[in-house]
Amino acid sequence: MMEPSDSKTRIIRAALDLMSQSGLSGVGINQVVAMSAAPRGSIYHFFPGGKLELATVALEEAERSVAQWFRGIFDQREPIAKKVESLFADAAANVEASGFNKSCPVSAVALDIDHDSERMRAVCHRIFMAWQGIIAEGLDEVPQPERQGAAELILATLEGALILSRSEASTSPLERAGKNLGDVLARRFRAPS
């Protein structure tokens, strides 16, 4: 017999996978049931608020896993250019591994917000701000007052480059963006001698 937590985990992962491909509109209950192999009733058992509750929980899972990835890069004692290039290289490998069919589920949902899903805007904003904070904490070369702005630039460039890479089915936009942004930030924020 399947453990309830296994079903719930599979449902969350299926929702996250679908959102990474198609945003919020791609997370239909029927699609989640098919992808997770969970009984239809279990979705409403675990997520009585339906699709929006499931999407929120799935995005919170993405928040945790991406935060861990960001910390792994930005907590290193490396120059800013190296951190940025590592981030973009990892993102390029991830999008390529998905066959250029998946990217950031949070940005996919943010692009898919309409009047029926307005509360998702606050969820996406909160997650982006948390990620931006993690990046900012790791920008040792950047003066404290400028860290949030630099972190926002890194995150915005990453999300835009992910979109370009998916549309071109190529890692080149991510690779170029990482190299260019790393160079720009290294020139702007030279490490103290």
N, C-alpha and C. Protein backbone atom coordinates (compact mmCIF):
# COMPACT_ATOMS: atom_id res chain seq x y z
N MET A 1 0.85 -1.19 0.00
CA MET A 1 0.00 0.00 0.00
C MET A 1 0.89 1.25 0.00
N MET A 2 0.47 2.25 -0.75
CA MET A 2 1.23 3.49 -0.89
C MET A 2 1.04 4.37 0.35
N GLU A 3 2.13 4.93 0.84
CA GLU A 3 2.07 5.84 1.97
C GLU A 3 1.45 7.17 1.53
N PRO A 4 0.63 7.78 2.41
CA PRO A 4 0.03 9.07 2.05
C PRO A 4 1.07 10.12 1.70
N SER A 5 2.19 10.15 2.43
CA SER A 5 3.20 11.17 2.14
C SER A 5 3.82 10.96 0.75
N ASP A 6 3.91 9.68 0.32
CA ASP A 6 4.42 9.40 -1.02
C ASP A 6 3.48 9.98 -2.08
N SER A 7 2.18 9.77 -1.88
CA SER A 7 1.20 10.33 -2.82
C SER A 7 1.27 11.84 -2.85
N LYS A 8 1.35 12.44 -1.68
CA LYS A 8 1.40 13.90 -1.61
C LYS A 8 2.66 14.42 -2.30
N THR A 9 3.78 13.77 -2.04
CA THR A 9 5.03 14.18 -2.68
C THR A 9 4.94 14.06 -4.19
N ARG A 10 4.39 12.95 -4.66
CA ARG A 10 4.26 12.76 -6.11
C ARG A 10 3.33 13.82 -6.72
N ILE A 11 2.27 14.16 -6.03
CA ILE A 11 1.34 15.19 -6.51
C ILE A 11 2.06 16.53 -6.61
N ILE A 12 2.81 16.89 -5.58
CA ILE A 12 3.54 18.17 -5.58
C ILE A 12 4.56 18.20 -6.70
N ARG A 13 5.31 17.11 -6.84
CA ARG A 13 6.32 17.06 -7.91
C ARG A 13 5.69 17.13 -9.29
N ALA A 14 4.56 16.47 -9.46
CA ALA A 14 3.87 16.52 -10.75
C ALA A 14 3.41 17.95 -11.05
N ALA A 15 2.84 18.61 -10.05
CA ALA A 15 2.38 19.99 -10.24
C ALA A 15 3.56 20.90 -10.58
N LEU A 16 4.67 20.71 -9.89
CA LEU A 16 5.85 21.52 -10.13
C LEU A 16 6.40 21.28 -11.53
N ASP A 17 6.42 20.04 -11.93
CA ASP A 17 6.89 19.68 -13.28
C ASP A 17 6.01 20.33 -14.35
N LEU A 18 4.70 20.26 -14.14
CA LEU A 18 3.77 20.85 -15.10
C LEU A 18 3.90 22.37 -15.15
N MET A 19 4.06 23.00 -13.97
CA MET A 19 4.23 24.45 -13.94
C MET A 19 5.53 24.87 -14.62
N SER A 20 6.59 24.07 -14.48
CA SER A 20 7.87 24.38 -15.13
C SER A 20 7.74 24.38 -16.64
N GLN A 21 6.78 23.62 -17.14
CA GLN A 21 6.56 23.54 -18.58
C GLN A 21 5.58 24.60 -19.08
N SER A 22 4.48 24.77 -18.34
CA SER A 22 3.36 25.54 -18.89
C SER A 22 2.75 26.58 -17.97
N GLY A 23 3.37 26.86 -16.84
CA GLY A 23 2.79 27.83 -15.92
C GLY A 23 1.58 27.28 -15.20
N LEU A 24 0.81 28.17 -14.65
CA LEU A 24 -0.36 27.78 -13.86
C LEU A 24 -1.43 27.11 -14.71
N SER A 25 -1.58 27.55 -15.94
CA SER A 25 -2.61 26.98 -16.80
C SER A 25 -2.34 25.52 -17.13
N GLY A 26 -1.08 25.09 -17.00
CA GLY A 26 -0.73 23.71 -17.29
C GLY A 26 -1.00 22.74 -16.15
N VAL A 27 -1.44 23.28 -15.02
CA VAL A 27 -1.66 22.44 -13.84
C VAL A 27 -3.15 22.14 -13.68
N GLY A 28 -3.67 21.36 -14.59
CA GLY A 28 -5.04 20.89 -14.44
C GLY A 28 -5.06 19.66 -13.53
N ILE A 29 -6.11 19.49 -12.81
CA ILE A 29 -6.22 18.35 -11.90
C ILE A 29 -6.05 17.04 -12.67
N ASN A 30 -6.64 16.93 -13.84
CA ASN A 30 -6.51 15.71 -14.63
C ASN A 30 -5.06 15.44 -15.02
N GLN A 31 -4.32 16.49 -15.37
CA GLN A 31 -2.91 16.32 -15.73
C GLN A 31 -2.09 15.89 -14.51
N VAL A 32 -2.38 16.47 -13.36
CA VAL A 32 -1.65 16.10 -12.13
C VAL A 32 -1.95 14.65 -11.77
N VAL A 33 -3.22 14.25 -11.88
CA VAL A 33 -3.58 12.85 -11.59
C VAL A 33 -2.83 11.91 -12.52
N ALA A 34 -2.81 12.24 -13.80
CA ALA A 34 -2.13 11.37 -14.77
C ALA A 34 -0.63 11.30 -14.52
N MET A 35 -0.01 12.43 -14.25
CA MET A 35 1.44 12.45 -14.07
C MET A 35 1.87 11.84 -12.73
N SER A 36 1.07 12.04 -11.69
CA SER A 36 1.46 11.56 -10.36
C SER A 36 1.01 10.13 -10.09
N ALA A 37 0.07 9.62 -10.89
CA ALA A 37 -0.53 8.29 -10.66
C ALA A 37 -1.18 8.22 -9.29
N ALA A 38 -1.64 9.35 -8.79
CA ALA A 38 -2.33 9.40 -7.50
C ALA A 38 -3.83 9.40 -7.75
N PRO A 39 -4.59 8.82 -6.84
CA PRO A 39 -6.04 8.86 -7.00
C PRO A 39 -6.55 10.30 -6.99
N ARG A 40 -7.51 10.57 -7.83
CA ARG A 40 -8.07 11.93 -7.95
C ARG A 40 -8.48 12.49 -6.59
N GLY A 41 -9.12 11.65 -5.79
CA GLY A 41 -9.60 12.11 -4.48
C GLY A 41 -8.47 12.53 -3.55
N SER A 42 -7.28 11.96 -3.74
CA SER A 42 -6.17 12.31 -2.85
C SER A 42 -5.72 13.75 -3.07
N ILE A 43 -5.91 14.28 -4.25
CA ILE A 43 -5.53 15.67 -4.49
C ILE A 43 -6.38 16.59 -3.62
N TYR A 44 -7.67 16.34 -3.59
CA TYR A 44 -8.55 17.18 -2.77
C TYR A 44 -8.40 16.86 -1.29
N HIS A 45 -7.96 15.65 -0.98
CA HIS A 45 -7.70 15.31 0.42
C HIS A 45 -6.51 16.11 0.94
N PHE A 46 -5.42 16.12 0.18
CA PHE A 46 -4.22 16.84 0.59
C PHE A 46 -4.31 18.34 0.35
N PHE A 47 -5.08 18.72 -0.65
CA PHE A 47 -5.17 20.14 -1.05
C PHE A 47 -6.64 20.53 -1.20
N PRO A 48 -7.34 20.69 -0.06
CA PRO A 48 -8.77 21.00 -0.13
C PRO A 48 -9.08 22.32 -0.85
N GLY A 49 -8.08 23.19 -0.94
CA GLY A 49 -8.25 24.45 -1.66
C GLY A 49 -8.11 24.29 -3.16
N GLY A 50 -7.91 23.06 -3.62
CA GLY A 50 -7.85 22.77 -5.05
C GLY A 50 -6.55 23.22 -5.70
N LYS A 51 -6.67 23.56 -6.96
CA LYS A 51 -5.52 23.87 -7.82
C LYS A 51 -4.63 24.98 -7.24
N LEU A 52 -5.22 26.06 -6.73
CA LEU A 52 -4.40 27.16 -6.24
C LEU A 52 -3.64 26.79 -4.99
N GLU A 53 -4.24 25.99 -4.12
CA GLU A 53 -3.50 25.54 -2.94
C GLU A 53 -2.36 24.62 -3.35
N LEU A 54 -2.63 23.70 -4.25
CA LEU A 54 -1.59 22.79 -4.75
C LEU A 54 -0.46 23.59 -5.41
N ALA A 55 -0.81 24.56 -6.22
CA ALA A 55 0.20 25.37 -6.90
C ALA A 55 1.05 26.14 -5.89
N THR A 56 0.42 26.67 -4.86
CA THR A 56 1.16 27.40 -3.83
C THR A 56 2.15 26.50 -3.11
N VAL A 57 1.70 25.32 -2.71
CA VAL A 57 2.58 24.37 -2.02
C VAL A 57 3.72 23.94 -2.95
N ALA A 58 3.42 23.70 -4.21
CA ALA A 58 4.46 23.29 -5.17
C ALA A 58 5.48 24.42 -5.36
N LEU A 59 5.01 25.65 -5.45
CA LEU A 59 5.94 26.77 -5.60
C LEU A 59 6.80 26.95 -4.36
N GLU A 60 6.24 26.67 -3.19
CA GLU A 60 7.03 26.75 -1.96
C GLU A 60 8.12 25.68 -1.96
N GLU A 61 7.83 24.53 -2.54
CA GLU A 61 8.86 23.49 -2.69
C GLU A 61 9.95 23.97 -3.64
N ALA A 62 9.56 24.61 -4.73
CA ALA A 62 10.54 25.17 -5.67
C ALA A 62 11.38 26.23 -4.96
N GLU A 63 10.72 27.04 -4.14
CA GLU A 63 11.44 28.08 -3.40
C GLU A 63 12.56 27.45 -2.57
N ARG A 64 12.26 26.38 -1.86
CA ARG A 64 13.27 25.72 -1.02
C ARG A 64 14.42 25.12 -1.84
N SER A 65 14.07 24.43 -2.90
CA SER A 65 15.14 23.76 -3.66
C SER A 65 16.01 24.77 -4.41
N VAL A 66 15.42 25.79 -4.97
CA VAL A 66 16.21 26.81 -5.67
C VAL A 66 17.03 27.62 -4.67
N ALA A 67 16.47 27.89 -3.50
CA ALA A 67 17.21 28.61 -2.46
C ALA A 67 18.47 27.83 -2.08
N GLN A 68 18.34 26.53 -1.97
CA GLN A 68 19.50 25.68 -1.65
C GLN A 68 20.55 25.78 -2.77
N TRP A 69 20.10 25.75 -4.01
CA TRP A 69 21.00 25.89 -5.15
C TRP A 69 21.72 27.24 -5.11
N PHE A 70 20.96 28.32 -4.89
CA PHE A 70 21.56 29.65 -4.82
C PHE A 70 22.58 29.73 -3.69
N ARG A 71 22.24 29.19 -2.53
CA ARG A 71 23.19 29.23 -1.40
C ARG A 71 24.46 28.47 -1.74
N GLY A 72 24.31 27.34 -2.42
CA GLY A 72 25.48 26.55 -2.81
C GLY A 72 26.44 27.33 -3.68
N ILE A 73 25.91 28.25 -4.46
CA ILE A 73 26.76 29.06 -5.34
C ILE A 73 27.22 30.34 -4.64
N PHE A 74 26.30 31.07 -4.03
CA PHE A 74 26.63 32.40 -3.50
C PHE A 74 27.28 32.37 -2.12
N ASP A 75 27.29 31.23 -1.46
CA ASP A 75 28.00 31.11 -0.18
C ASP A 75 29.47 30.78 -0.38
N GLN A 76 29.88 30.51 -1.61
CA GLN A 76 31.28 30.19 -1.89
C GLN A 76 32.15 31.44 -1.77
N ARG A 77 33.41 31.22 -1.45
CA ARG A 77 34.38 32.32 -1.40
C ARG A 77 35.02 32.44 -2.78
N GLU A 78 34.25 32.91 -3.72
CA GLU A 78 34.70 33.07 -5.10
C GLU A 78 34.41 34.50 -5.53
N PRO A 79 35.12 34.99 -6.55
CA PRO A 79 34.80 36.32 -7.09
C PRO A 79 33.37 36.33 -7.67
N ILE A 80 32.79 37.49 -7.70
CA ILE A 80 31.41 37.65 -8.17
C ILE A 80 31.23 37.09 -9.58
N ALA A 81 32.19 37.32 -10.47
CA ALA A 81 32.07 36.83 -11.85
C ALA A 81 31.98 35.31 -11.87
N LYS A 82 32.77 34.66 -11.04
CA LYS A 82 32.76 33.19 -10.99
C LYS A 82 31.42 32.68 -10.47
N LYS A 83 30.88 33.34 -9.46
CA LYS A 83 29.57 32.94 -8.92
C LYS A 83 28.48 33.06 -9.99
N VAL A 84 28.49 34.18 -10.68
CA VAL A 84 27.46 34.42 -11.70
C VAL A 84 27.62 33.42 -12.85
N GLU A 85 28.82 33.21 -13.31
CA GLU A 85 29.03 32.26 -14.40
C GLU A 85 28.64 30.84 -13.99
N SER A 86 28.91 30.45 -12.74
CA SER A 86 28.49 29.13 -12.24
C SER A 86 26.98 29.00 -12.22
N LEU A 87 26.31 30.04 -11.76
CA LEU A 87 24.85 30.04 -11.71
C LEU A 87 24.25 29.83 -13.10
N PHE A 88 24.74 30.59 -14.06
CA PHE A 88 24.20 30.52 -15.41
C PHE A 88 24.57 29.21 -16.11
N ALA A 89 25.76 28.69 -15.81
CA ALA A 89 26.16 27.39 -16.38
C ALA A 89 25.29 26.27 -15.83
N ASP A 90 25.00 26.31 -14.53
CA ASP A 90 24.10 25.31 -13.94
C ASP A 90 22.71 25.40 -14.56
N ALA A 91 22.22 26.62 -14.71
CA ALA A 91 20.90 26.82 -15.31
C ALA A 91 20.88 26.30 -16.74
N ALA A 92 21.95 26.53 -17.48
CA ALA A 92 22.04 26.04 -18.86
C ALA A 92 21.98 24.52 -18.89
N ALA A 93 22.71 23.88 -17.98
CA ALA A 93 22.70 22.41 -17.93
C ALA A 93 21.31 21.89 -17.58
N ASN A 94 20.63 22.57 -16.66
CA ASN A 94 19.29 22.14 -16.26
C ASN A 94 18.27 22.28 -17.38
N VAL A 95 18.29 23.40 -18.06
CA VAL A 95 17.31 23.61 -19.13
C VAL A 95 17.60 22.67 -20.31
N GLU A 96 18.88 22.41 -20.56
CA GLU A 96 19.24 21.47 -21.63
C GLU A 96 18.78 20.05 -21.26
N ALA A 97 18.96 19.67 -19.99
CA ALA A 97 18.55 18.34 -19.54
C ALA A 97 17.04 18.13 -19.68
N SER A 98 16.29 19.21 -19.63
CA SER A 98 14.83 19.12 -19.78
C SER A 98 14.41 19.12 -21.25
N GLY A 99 15.36 19.12 -22.15
CA GLY A 99 15.03 19.21 -23.57
C GLY A 99 14.50 20.57 -23.95
N PHE A 100 14.86 21.59 -23.15
CA PHE A 100 14.41 22.97 -23.36
C PHE A 100 12.90 23.09 -23.22
N ASN A 101 12.31 22.22 -22.41
CA ASN A 101 10.87 22.24 -22.18
C ASN A 101 10.48 22.72 -20.79
N LYS A 102 11.46 22.95 -19.93
CA LYS A 102 11.16 23.39 -18.56
C LYS A 102 12.10 24.52 -18.18
N SER A 103 11.58 25.39 -17.34
CA SER A 103 12.43 26.43 -16.76
C SER A 103 11.90 26.74 -15.37
N CYS A 104 12.09 27.93 -14.90
CA CYS A 104 11.69 28.29 -13.55
C CYS A 104 10.16 28.25 -13.41
N PRO A 105 9.64 27.40 -12.52
CA PRO A 105 8.18 27.33 -12.37
C PRO A 105 7.58 28.62 -11.82
N VAL A 106 8.35 29.36 -11.02
CA VAL A 106 7.82 30.60 -10.45
C VAL A 106 7.64 31.65 -11.54
N SER A 107 8.62 31.78 -12.42
CA SER A 107 8.46 32.76 -13.50
C SER A 107 7.36 32.32 -14.47
N ALA A 108 7.25 31.01 -14.72
CA ALA A 108 6.20 30.51 -15.61
C ALA A 108 4.82 30.84 -15.04
N VAL A 109 4.66 30.68 -13.72
CA VAL A 109 3.38 31.01 -13.09
C VAL A 109 3.16 32.52 -13.10
N ALA A 110 4.21 33.29 -12.81
CA ALA A 110 4.07 34.76 -12.81
C ALA A 110 3.62 35.27 -14.17
N LEU A 111 4.12 34.67 -15.24
CA LEU A 111 3.73 35.08 -16.58
C LEU A 111 2.30 34.65 -16.92
N ASP A 112 1.77 33.74 -16.15
CA ASP A 112 0.46 33.15 -16.42
C ASP A 112 -0.65 33.71 -15.51
N ILE A 113 -0.32 34.70 -14.69
CA ILE A 113 -1.30 35.23 -13.74
C ILE A 113 -2.39 36.00 -14.47
N ASP A 114 -3.62 35.70 -14.09
CA ASP A 114 -4.77 36.44 -14.60
C ASP A 114 -5.67 36.80 -13.42
N HIS A 115 -6.83 37.37 -13.70
CA HIS A 115 -7.69 37.82 -12.60
C HIS A 115 -8.18 36.67 -11.72
N ASP A 116 -8.22 35.45 -12.25
CA ASP A 116 -8.66 34.31 -11.45
C ASP A 116 -7.55 33.76 -10.56
N SER A 117 -6.32 34.16 -10.80
CA SER A 117 -5.19 33.64 -10.03
C SER A 117 -4.37 34.76 -9.39
N GLU A 118 -5.02 35.87 -9.12
CA GLU A 118 -4.33 37.06 -8.62
C GLU A 118 -3.56 36.79 -7.32
N ARG A 119 -4.07 35.91 -6.46
CA ARG A 119 -3.35 35.67 -5.21
C ARG A 119 -2.00 35.00 -5.45
N MET A 120 -1.82 34.40 -6.61
CA MET A 120 -0.53 33.79 -6.94
C MET A 120 0.55 34.85 -7.15
N ARG A 121 0.13 36.06 -7.48
CA ARG A 121 1.09 37.15 -7.67
C ARG A 121 1.90 37.37 -6.39
N ALA A 122 1.21 37.40 -5.25
CA ALA A 122 1.90 37.60 -3.97
C ALA A 122 2.83 36.45 -3.65
N VAL A 123 2.43 35.23 -3.98
CA VAL A 123 3.28 34.06 -3.75
C VAL A 123 4.55 34.18 -4.58
N CYS A 124 4.40 34.48 -5.86
CA CYS A 124 5.57 34.61 -6.75
C CYS A 124 6.48 35.74 -6.28
N HIS A 125 5.88 36.86 -5.93
CA HIS A 125 6.68 38.01 -5.48
C HIS A 125 7.49 37.65 -4.23
N ARG A 126 6.85 37.01 -3.28
CA ARG A 126 7.53 36.63 -2.04
C ARG A 126 8.72 35.70 -2.33
N ILE A 127 8.52 34.75 -3.22
CA ILE A 127 9.59 33.81 -3.56
C ILE A 127 10.74 34.53 -4.26
N PHE A 128 10.42 35.38 -5.22
CA PHE A 128 11.48 36.12 -5.91
C PHE A 128 12.26 36.99 -4.93
N MET A 129 11.57 37.61 -3.98
CA MET A 129 12.26 38.45 -3.00
C MET A 129 13.15 37.61 -2.09
N ALA A 130 12.70 36.42 -1.72
CA ALA A 130 13.53 35.53 -0.89
C ALA A 130 14.79 35.12 -1.65
N TRP A 131 14.64 34.75 -2.92
CA TRP A 131 15.80 34.38 -3.73
C TRP A 131 16.76 35.56 -3.90
N GLN A 132 16.18 36.71 -4.14
CA GLN A 132 17.00 37.91 -4.29
C GLN A 132 17.80 38.16 -3.02
N GLY A 133 17.18 37.95 -1.87
CA GLY A 133 17.87 38.12 -0.59
C GLY A 133 19.03 37.16 -0.42
N ILE A 134 18.84 35.92 -0.84
CA ILE A 134 19.92 34.92 -0.75
C ILE A 134 21.09 35.33 -1.64
N ILE A 135 20.78 35.76 -2.85
CA ILE A 135 21.84 36.20 -3.76
C ILE A 135 22.57 37.39 -3.16
N ALA A 136 21.80 38.37 -2.65
CA ALA A 136 22.40 39.58 -2.09
C ALA A 136 23.35 39.25 -0.94
N GLU A 137 22.99 38.29 -0.10
CA GLU A 137 23.85 37.91 1.03
C GLU A 137 25.20 37.40 0.56
N GLY A 138 25.25 36.82 -0.63
CA GLY A 138 26.50 36.25 -1.13
C GLY A 138 27.32 37.16 -2.00
N LEU A 139 26.94 38.41 -2.09
CA LEU A 139 27.68 39.36 -2.93
C LEU A 139 28.68 40.14 -2.09
N ASP A 140 29.71 39.44 -1.62
CA ASP A 140 30.68 40.02 -0.69
C ASP A 140 31.40 41.24 -1.24
N GLU A 141 31.62 41.27 -2.54
CA GLU A 141 32.37 42.38 -3.16
C GLU A 141 31.52 43.63 -3.35
N VAL A 142 30.22 43.47 -3.21
CA VAL A 142 29.30 44.58 -3.48
C VAL A 142 29.02 45.32 -2.16
N PRO A 143 29.16 46.65 -2.17
CA PRO A 143 28.82 47.41 -0.95
C PRO A 143 27.39 47.12 -0.52
N GLN A 144 27.20 47.03 0.76
CA GLN A 144 25.89 46.66 1.33
C GLN A 144 24.71 47.42 0.71
N PRO A 145 24.78 48.74 0.54
CA PRO A 145 23.62 49.46 -0.01
C PRO A 145 23.26 49.07 -1.46
N GLU A 146 24.21 48.46 -2.16
CA GLU A 146 23.99 48.12 -3.56
C GLU A 146 23.70 46.64 -3.79
N ARG A 147 23.71 45.84 -2.75
CA ARG A 147 23.55 44.39 -2.91
C ARG A 147 22.18 43.98 -3.44
N GLN A 148 21.12 44.60 -2.93
CA GLN A 148 19.79 44.22 -3.40
C GLN A 148 19.62 44.52 -4.89
N GLY A 149 20.11 45.67 -5.31
CA GLY A 149 20.02 46.03 -6.73
C GLY A 149 20.81 45.08 -7.62
N ALA A 150 22.01 44.71 -7.17
CA ALA A 150 22.83 43.77 -7.94
C ALA A 150 22.17 42.39 -7.97
N ALA A 151 21.59 41.98 -6.84
CA ALA A 151 20.90 40.68 -6.78
C ALA A 151 19.68 40.66 -7.70
N GLU A 152 18.95 41.77 -7.73
CA GLU A 152 17.80 41.86 -8.63
C GLU A 152 18.24 41.76 -10.09
N LEU A 153 19.34 42.41 -10.43
CA LEU A 153 19.87 42.34 -11.80
C LEU A 153 20.26 40.91 -12.15
N ILE A 154 20.91 40.20 -11.23
CA ILE A 154 21.31 38.81 -11.48
C ILE A 154 20.08 37.94 -11.70
N LEU A 155 19.10 38.07 -10.82
CA LEU A 155 17.89 37.24 -10.92
C LEU A 155 17.10 37.57 -12.19
N ALA A 156 16.94 38.84 -12.48
CA ALA A 156 16.20 39.24 -13.69
C ALA A 156 16.90 38.77 -14.96
N THR A 157 18.22 38.86 -14.98
CA THR A 157 18.97 38.41 -16.15
C THR A 157 18.86 36.89 -16.30
N LEU A 158 18.94 36.19 -15.18
CA LEU A 158 18.81 34.73 -15.22
C LEU A 158 17.44 34.32 -15.78
N GLU A 159 16.38 34.92 -15.27
CA GLU A 159 15.03 34.56 -15.73
C GLU A 159 14.86 34.89 -17.22
N GLY A 160 15.35 36.03 -17.65
CA GLY A 160 15.25 36.39 -19.06
C GLY A 160 16.05 35.46 -19.95
N ALA A 161 17.26 35.10 -19.50
CA ALA A 161 18.09 34.20 -20.28
C ALA A 161 17.48 32.81 -20.36
N LEU A 162 16.79 32.38 -19.30
CA LEU A 162 16.09 31.09 -19.34
C LEU A 162 15.02 31.09 -20.44
N ILE A 163 14.29 32.18 -20.53
CA ILE A 163 13.25 32.30 -21.56
C ILE A 163 13.89 32.25 -22.95
N LEU A 164 14.97 33.00 -23.14
CA LEU A 164 15.65 32.99 -24.44
C LEU A 164 16.19 31.60 -24.77
N SER A 165 16.77 30.93 -23.80
CA SER A 165 17.30 29.58 -24.04
C SER A 165 16.20 28.61 -24.43
N ARG A 166 15.05 28.70 -23.75
CA ARG A 166 13.93 27.82 -24.12
C ARG A 166 13.45 28.14 -25.52
N SER A 167 13.35 29.42 -25.85
CA SER A 167 12.82 29.78 -27.17
C SER A 167 13.78 29.40 -28.29
N GLU A 168 15.08 29.41 -28.02
CA GLU A 168 16.07 29.04 -29.04
C GLU A 168 16.43 27.56 -28.99
N ALA A 169 15.99 26.87 -27.94
CA ALA A 169 16.41 25.48 -27.70
C ALA A 169 17.94 25.39 -27.73
N SER A 170 18.55 26.30 -26.99
CA SER A 170 20.00 26.40 -26.96
C SER A 170 20.45 26.94 -25.60
N THR A 171 21.61 26.48 -25.15
CA THR A 171 22.17 27.01 -23.91
C THR A 171 22.91 28.32 -24.13
N SER A 172 23.11 28.71 -25.38
CA SER A 172 23.91 29.90 -25.70
C SER A 172 23.44 31.17 -25.00
N PRO A 173 22.13 31.48 -24.97
CA PRO A 173 21.73 32.71 -24.27
C PRO A 173 22.13 32.72 -22.80
N LEU A 174 22.01 31.58 -22.13
CA LEU A 174 22.41 31.52 -20.72
C LEU A 174 23.91 31.65 -20.57
N GLU A 175 24.65 30.99 -21.43
CA GLU A 175 26.12 31.06 -21.35
C GLU A 175 26.61 32.48 -21.61
N ARG A 176 26.06 33.11 -22.65
CA ARG A 176 26.47 34.49 -22.97
C ARG A 176 26.07 35.45 -21.86
N ALA A 177 24.85 35.32 -21.37
CA ALA A 177 24.37 36.23 -20.32
C ALA A 177 25.22 36.07 -19.05
N GLY A 178 25.55 34.85 -18.68
CA GLY A 178 26.37 34.63 -17.49
C GLY A 178 27.75 35.24 -17.62
N LYS A 179 28.36 35.05 -18.78
CA LYS A 179 29.69 35.60 -19.01
C LYS A 179 29.64 37.13 -19.04
N ASN A 180 28.69 37.68 -19.79
CA ASN A 180 28.59 39.15 -19.90
C ASN A 180 28.25 39.79 -18.56
N LEU A 181 27.29 39.23 -17.85
CA LEU A 181 26.90 39.82 -16.57
C LEU A 181 28.03 39.67 -15.55
N GLY A 182 28.68 38.53 -15.56
CA GLY A 182 29.82 38.34 -14.66
C GLY A 182 30.90 39.38 -14.91
N ASP A 183 31.21 39.63 -16.18
CA ASP A 183 32.22 40.62 -16.52
C ASP A 183 31.81 42.03 -16.08
N VAL A 184 30.56 42.38 -16.34
CA VAL A 184 30.06 43.70 -15.96
C VAL A 184 30.14 43.90 -14.45
N LEU A 185 29.67 42.90 -13.71
CA LEU A 185 29.68 43.03 -12.25
C LEU A 185 31.09 43.03 -11.69
N ALA A 186 31.99 42.25 -12.29
CA ALA A 186 33.39 42.23 -11.83
C ALA A 186 34.04 43.59 -12.03
N ARG A 187 33.76 44.25 -13.15
CA ARG A 187 34.32 45.59 -13.39
C ARG A 187 33.70 46.61 -12.44
N ARG A 188 32.41 46.46 -12.21
CA ARG A 188 31.72 47.45 -11.35
C ARG A 188 32.10 47.29 -9.89
N PHE A 189 32.26 46.05 -9.44
CA PHE A 189 32.52 45.78 -8.03
C PHE A 189 33.81 44.99 -7.87
N ARG A 190 34.91 45.68 -7.99
CA ARG A 190 36.21 45.02 -7.84
C ARG A 190 36.42 44.66 -6.37
N ALA A 191 36.98 43.45 -6.14
CA ALA A 191 37.25 43.02 -4.76
C ALA A 191 38.35 43.90 -4.16
N PRO A 192 38.18 44.27 -2.88
CA PRO A 192 39.25 45.06 -2.25
C PRO A 192 40.54 44.25 -2.15
N SER A 193 41.69 44.93 -2.30
CA SER A 193 42.96 44.20 -2.24
C SER A 193 43.29 43.86 -0.81
